[in-house]
């Protein structure tokens, strides 16, 4: 079973985040528990996650194959690569159905069974070049640690999405349908059955210059969940924090949501990821 501490933030505030080392407390009383500045790809923190969801057209591949995942110069790059011709894909959906052949491959990493925390605050500093291209779907998000999607390695990983224990929070999600320089932040509203989640009820769509680095955060504050852009509160899901109190793991991925032709390879660059608790 996963061992975790539930921490409740009781104050609402505005601050600029510093890259505090693990164990370091900032002036607002937040303590950095986990920080990855991507000097290397640390397998104690991250793993490739291979599955087929949302009818995506790309195939997730492991170990940075085809240059889909690279750590260099202190940043993580996740890319969608056009191979030029269709190839078999071994990704499976939740029912065991095999992905169709595709010429597009990409990277998806998660901290599942590596770094999982309840409540607190998660932040990533990232950018996406040339946003708004048809099919783009990069994301930075959290999923409940009792989720039953692969890899299943512990006996408590039995909960279907988005039931309690398998809840979802999207901190940054850029969907090309809305054009360039915007992203969505949301909690998924649990509608009480496997596969039944409301994507719209608790969502904000916001403009931002995606080709510039920004810090995208979510934090638990009492009964509420707060979304921040560069430290400033931009959105709040009132009264939902206790419904998403399970430990959660982080996911970074770049998907391709349709079969439109690509004119160039796509990239999301991540400077760092951090998790903090309120003291």
Protein backbone atom coordinates (compact mmCIF):
# COMPACT_ATOMS: atom_id res chain seq x y z
CA UNK A 1 0.00 0.00 0.00
CA UNK A 2 1.12 3.56 -0.63
CA UNK A 3 2.12 5.54 2.43
CA UNK A 4 1.34 9.24 2.32
CA UNK A 5 0.62 12.28 4.43
CA UNK A 6 -2.44 14.40 3.72
CA UNK A 7 -1.55 18.06 3.99
CA UNK A 8 -4.09 20.87 3.90
CA UNK A 9 -3.12 24.36 2.84
CA UNK A 10 -5.06 26.94 4.81
CA UNK A 11 -4.00 30.23 3.24
CA UNK A 12 -4.46 31.90 -0.15
CA UNK A 13 -1.53 33.92 -1.36
CA UNK A 14 0.45 35.26 -4.30
CA UNK A 15 4.15 34.56 -4.72
CA UNK A 16 6.86 33.97 -7.30
CA UNK A 17 8.35 30.52 -6.96
CA UNK A 18 12.06 29.93 -6.48
CA UNK A 19 13.70 26.63 -7.33
CA UNK A 20 14.11 25.57 -3.72
CA UNK A 21 16.12 22.43 -3.02
CA UNK A 22 14.28 19.51 -1.40
CA UNK A 23 13.81 20.26 2.29
CA UNK A 24 14.12 24.01 1.81
CA UNK A 25 11.30 26.23 3.10
CA UNK A 26 10.40 29.50 1.36
CA UNK A 27 9.20 32.77 2.88
CA UNK A 28 5.55 31.73 2.49
CA UNK A 29 6.07 28.52 4.47
CA UNK A 30 6.16 26.10 1.54
CA UNK A 31 8.70 23.30 1.76
CA UNK A 32 10.10 21.68 -1.38
CA UNK A 33 9.76 17.91 -1.12
CA UNK A 34 10.55 16.97 -4.72
CA UNK A 35 12.41 18.90 -7.40
CA UNK A 36 13.65 17.62 -10.75
CA UNK A 37 15.66 20.13 -12.78
CA UNK A 38 16.33 17.59 -15.56
CA UNK A 39 20.09 17.44 -15.41
CA UNK A 40 19.49 13.79 -16.33
CA UNK A 41 16.47 11.57 -16.92
CA UNK A 42 16.14 10.16 -13.40
CA UNK A 43 14.33 6.81 -13.37
CA UNK A 44 13.82 7.18 -9.63
CA UNK A 45 11.44 10.02 -10.55
CA UNK A 46 9.99 9.15 -13.95
CA UNK A 47 9.04 6.27 -16.22
CA UNK A 48 7.79 6.01 -19.77
CA UNK A 49 4.06 5.28 -19.72
CA UNK A 50 2.75 3.35 -22.70
CA UNK A 51 -0.99 3.21 -23.34
CA UNK A 52 -3.61 4.38 -25.85
CA UNK A 53 -6.18 6.92 -24.66
CA UNK A 54 -8.55 9.51 -26.13
CA UNK A 55 -8.34 8.00 -29.60
CA UNK A 56 -4.95 9.68 -30.07
CA UNK A 57 -3.24 9.19 -33.42
CA UNK A 58 0.36 8.99 -32.22
CA UNK A 59 2.07 5.95 -30.72
CA UNK A 60 3.91 6.37 -27.41
CA UNK A 61 7.40 4.84 -27.45
CA UNK A 62 9.93 4.07 -24.70
CA UNK A 63 13.47 5.18 -23.96
CA UNK A 64 13.38 8.26 -26.16
CA UNK A 65 13.18 6.21 -29.35
CA UNK A 66 13.12 8.37 -32.50
CA UNK A 67 14.19 11.32 -30.28
CA UNK A 68 10.73 11.56 -28.72
CA UNK A 69 12.26 12.17 -25.28
CA UNK A 70 15.52 14.00 -24.67
CA UNK A 71 17.17 15.50 -21.60
CA UNK A 72 19.87 18.01 -22.53
CA UNK A 73 21.14 21.41 -21.42
CA UNK A 74 19.10 21.17 -18.22
CA UNK A 75 15.68 20.64 -19.79
CA UNK A 76 13.37 17.79 -20.78
CA UNK A 77 12.07 17.76 -24.33
CA UNK A 78 9.02 15.69 -25.27
CA UNK A 79 8.36 15.55 -28.98
CA UNK A 80 5.87 14.31 -31.56
CA UNK A 81 7.85 12.95 -34.51
CA UNK A 82 6.60 12.26 -38.04
CA UNK A 83 8.32 9.09 -39.28
CA UNK A 84 7.04 9.63 -42.81
CA UNK A 85 5.35 6.26 -43.17
CA UNK A 86 3.02 4.17 -41.06
CA UNK A 87 4.43 1.58 -38.71
CA UNK A 88 2.87 -0.90 -36.25
CA UNK A 89 2.14 0.42 -32.75
CA UNK A 90 2.04 -1.80 -29.65
CA UNK A 91 -0.02 0.61 -27.49
CA UNK A 92 -3.26 -0.84 -26.05
CA UNK A 93 -6.37 0.95 -24.85
CA UNK A 94 -8.20 0.22 -21.59
CA UNK A 95 -10.12 -2.65 -23.20
CA UNK A 96 -6.99 -4.25 -24.68
CA UNK A 97 -7.59 -3.02 -28.23
CA UNK A 98 -4.37 -2.46 -30.18
CA UNK A 99 -3.54 0.96 -31.62
CA UNK A 100 -3.78 1.35 -35.39
CA UNK A 101 -0.65 1.67 -37.53
CA UNK A 102 0.63 5.26 -37.52
CA UNK A 103 3.54 7.33 -38.77
CA UNK A 104 3.55 9.51 -35.63
CA UNK A 105 5.38 8.71 -32.38
CA UNK A 106 5.79 10.67 -29.16
CA UNK A 107 6.76 10.63 -25.49
CA UNK A 108 4.76 10.32 -22.29
CA UNK A 109 6.37 10.12 -18.85
CA UNK A 110 4.81 9.76 -15.42
CA UNK A 111 5.95 9.62 -11.80
CA UNK A 112 3.60 6.68 -11.12
CA UNK A 113 4.98 4.54 -8.25
CA UNK A 114 7.98 6.89 -8.08
CA UNK A 115 6.78 10.25 -6.77
CA UNK A 116 3.19 10.35 -5.50
CA UNK A 117 1.90 12.98 -3.09
CA UNK A 118 -1.39 14.09 -1.56
CA UNK A 119 -2.54 17.70 -1.59
CA UNK A 120 0.23 20.31 -1.42
CA UNK A 121 1.31 22.09 -4.60
CA UNK A 122 2.68 20.88 -7.94
CA UNK A 123 4.45 23.25 -10.38
CA UNK A 124 6.17 22.83 -13.73
CA UNK A 125 8.03 25.46 -15.73
CA UNK A 126 7.54 24.75 -19.42
CA UNK A 127 6.97 26.09 -22.91
CA UNK A 128 5.53 24.87 -26.23
CA UNK A 129 6.86 26.25 -29.50
CA UNK A 130 4.62 26.96 -32.52
CA UNK A 131 1.35 26.30 -30.67
CA UNK A 132 -1.99 25.93 -32.40
CA UNK A 133 -0.90 23.48 -35.10
CA UNK A 134 -3.67 21.09 -36.10
CA UNK A 135 -3.75 18.11 -33.71
CA UNK A 136 -1.43 19.44 -31.00
CA UNK A 137 -2.25 18.15 -27.51
CA UNK A 138 0.59 18.65 -24.98
CA UNK A 139 -0.26 18.36 -21.28
CA UNK A 140 1.03 18.61 -17.71
CA UNK A 141 -1.38 16.88 -15.30
CA UNK A 142 -2.02 14.67 -12.27
CA UNK A 143 -3.79 11.35 -11.81
CA UNK A 144 -4.83 9.50 -8.67
CA UNK A 145 -2.31 6.87 -7.56
CA UNK A 146 -4.91 4.08 -7.24
CA UNK A 147 -5.65 4.30 -10.97
CA UNK A 148 -5.92 0.92 -12.70
CA UNK A 149 -4.20 1.90 -15.95
CA UNK A 150 -0.83 0.32 -16.82
CA UNK A 151 1.63 -0.21 -15.38
CA UNK A 152 -0.20 -1.84 -12.45
CA UNK A 153 2.42 -2.80 -9.87
CA UNK A 154 0.69 -2.60 -6.48
CA UNK A 155 -2.43 -4.34 -5.16
CA UNK A 156 -4.29 -1.09 -4.48
CA UNK A 157 -4.15 0.08 -8.13
CA UNK A 158 -7.71 -1.00 -8.84
CA UNK A 159 -9.71 2.21 -9.26
CA UNK A 160 -11.16 3.21 -12.63
CA UNK A 161 -11.03 6.78 -13.91
CA UNK A 162 -12.32 9.21 -12.60
CA UNK A 163 -13.59 7.62 -9.39
CA UNK A 164 -12.18 8.66 -6.01
CA UNK A 165 -8.61 7.40 -5.91
CA UNK A 166 -8.27 7.86 -9.68
CA UNK A 167 -9.15 11.54 -9.98
CA UNK A 168 -7.65 13.87 -12.57
CA UNK A 169 -6.36 17.44 -12.50
CA UNK A 170 -5.14 19.07 -15.71
CA UNK A 171 -2.72 21.87 -14.80
CA UNK A 172 -1.79 22.75 -18.38
CA UNK A 173 -3.41 21.35 -21.52
CA UNK A 174 -3.12 22.93 -24.95
CA UNK A 175 -5.66 21.75 -27.49
CA UNK A 176 -5.02 23.09 -30.98
CA UNK A 177 -8.73 23.39 -31.81
CA UNK A 178 -8.80 26.74 -30.04
CA UNK A 179 -5.83 28.17 -31.94
CA UNK A 180 -2.39 29.22 -30.65
CA UNK A 181 -1.41 30.69 -27.28
CA UNK A 182 -4.07 29.31 -25.00
CA UNK A 183 -4.37 26.45 -22.54
CA UNK A 184 -6.94 24.83 -20.27
CA UNK A 185 -6.77 24.21 -16.51
CA UNK A 186 -9.36 22.00 -14.83
CA UNK A 187 -10.40 19.38 -12.36
CA UNK A 188 -12.37 16.51 -13.84
CA UNK A 189 -15.79 16.30 -12.21
CA UNK A 190 -16.51 12.74 -11.13
CA UNK A 191 -20.00 11.75 -12.34
CA UNK A 192 -20.11 8.57 -10.27
CA UNK A 193 -19.22 5.80 -12.73
CA UNK A 194 -16.19 4.41 -14.53
CA UNK A 195 -15.37 6.50 -17.58
CA UNK A 196 -17.90 9.19 -16.63
CA UNK A 197 -16.09 12.47 -16.11
CA UNK A 198 -17.20 16.01 -16.95
CA UNK A 199 -14.35 17.88 -18.69
CA UNK A 200 -16.16 21.22 -18.98
CA UNK A 201 -17.81 21.97 -15.63
CA UNK A 202 -14.61 22.86 -13.74
CA UNK A 203 -12.48 24.24 -16.61
CA UNK A 204 -10.84 27.56 -17.40
CA UNK A 205 -9.43 28.36 -20.86
CA UNK A 206 -6.80 31.06 -20.67
CA UNK A 207 -4.48 32.94 -23.01
CA UNK A 208 -0.71 32.76 -22.51
CA UNK A 209 2.36 33.07 -24.71
CA UNK A 210 3.09 29.38 -24.88
CA UNK A 211 6.47 29.77 -26.60
CA UNK A 212 7.75 31.54 -23.47
CA UNK A 213 8.49 29.79 -20.20
CA UNK A 214 5.75 29.98 -17.59
CA UNK A 215 5.16 28.28 -14.26
CA UNK A 216 1.91 26.29 -14.24
CA UNK A 217 0.72 25.24 -10.78
CA UNK A 218 -2.09 23.61 -8.86
CA UNK A 219 -2.48 23.64 -5.08
CA UNK A 220 -4.88 22.49 -2.41
CA UNK A 221 -6.14 25.31 -0.14
CA UNK A 222 -8.61 24.13 2.47
CA UNK A 223 -11.68 22.91 0.58
CA UNK A 224 -10.62 24.49 -2.71
CA UNK A 225 -8.23 23.72 -5.55
CA UNK A 226 -6.36 26.72 -6.94
CA UNK A 227 -4.67 27.05 -10.32
CA UNK A 228 -1.82 29.54 -10.73
CA UNK A 229 0.08 31.01 -13.66
CA UNK A 230 3.51 32.36 -12.68
CA UNK A 231 2.43 32.36 -9.05
CA UNK A 232 -0.81 34.32 -9.53
CA UNK A 233 -4.20 32.70 -8.91
CA UNK A 234 -6.14 32.48 -12.16
CA UNK A 235 -8.88 29.97 -11.31
CA UNK A 236 -10.41 28.19 -8.35
CA UNK A 237 -12.51 25.02 -8.07
CA UNK A 238 -14.54 25.70 -4.93
CA UNK A 239 -15.26 22.92 -2.46
CA UNK A 240 -13.77 20.05 -4.48
CA UNK A 241 -10.43 19.48 -2.70
CA UNK A 242 -11.68 16.64 -0.48
CA UNK A 243 -12.88 14.76 -3.57
CA UNK A 244 -9.28 14.79 -4.88
CA UNK A 245 -7.42 14.08 -1.66
CA UNK A 246 -5.75 10.83 -2.76
CA UNK A 247 -2.00 10.77 -3.50
CA UNK A 248 -1.43 11.71 -7.11
CA UNK A 249 1.34 11.19 -9.63
CA UNK A 250 2.46 13.61 -12.33
CA UNK A 251 2.30 13.13 -16.09
CA UNK A 252 3.96 15.05 -18.93
CA UNK A 253 3.05 14.08 -22.47
CA UNK A 254 2.70 15.38 -26.00
CA UNK A 255 -0.16 13.76 -27.89
CA UNK A 256 -1.55 14.15 -31.40
CA UNK A 257 -5.33 14.18 -31.18
CA UNK A 258 -6.19 13.72 -34.87
CA UNK A 259 -4.71 12.42 -38.13
CA UNK A 260 -3.94 15.81 -39.69
CA UNK A 261 -0.62 16.05 -41.52
CA UNK A 262 2.26 17.64 -39.62
CA UNK A 263 4.44 20.31 -41.24
CA UNK A 264 7.19 19.98 -38.60
CA UNK A 265 7.98 18.00 -35.47
CA UNK A 266 6.48 19.34 -32.23
CA UNK A 267 8.17 19.91 -28.90
CA UNK A 268 7.27 20.71 -25.29
CA UNK A 269 10.30 21.78 -23.24
CA UNK A 270 10.22 21.44 -19.44
CA UNK A 271 12.73 23.31 -17.28
CA UNK A 272 11.75 21.74 -13.96
CA UNK A 273 8.98 20.03 -11.96
CA UNK A 274 8.44 20.63 -8.26
CA UNK A 275 6.17 19.40 -5.46
CA UNK A 276 5.81 21.35 -2.20
CA UNK A 277 3.95 21.01 1.07
CA UNK A 278 2.64 23.82 3.25
CA UNK A 279 4.27 23.96 6.69
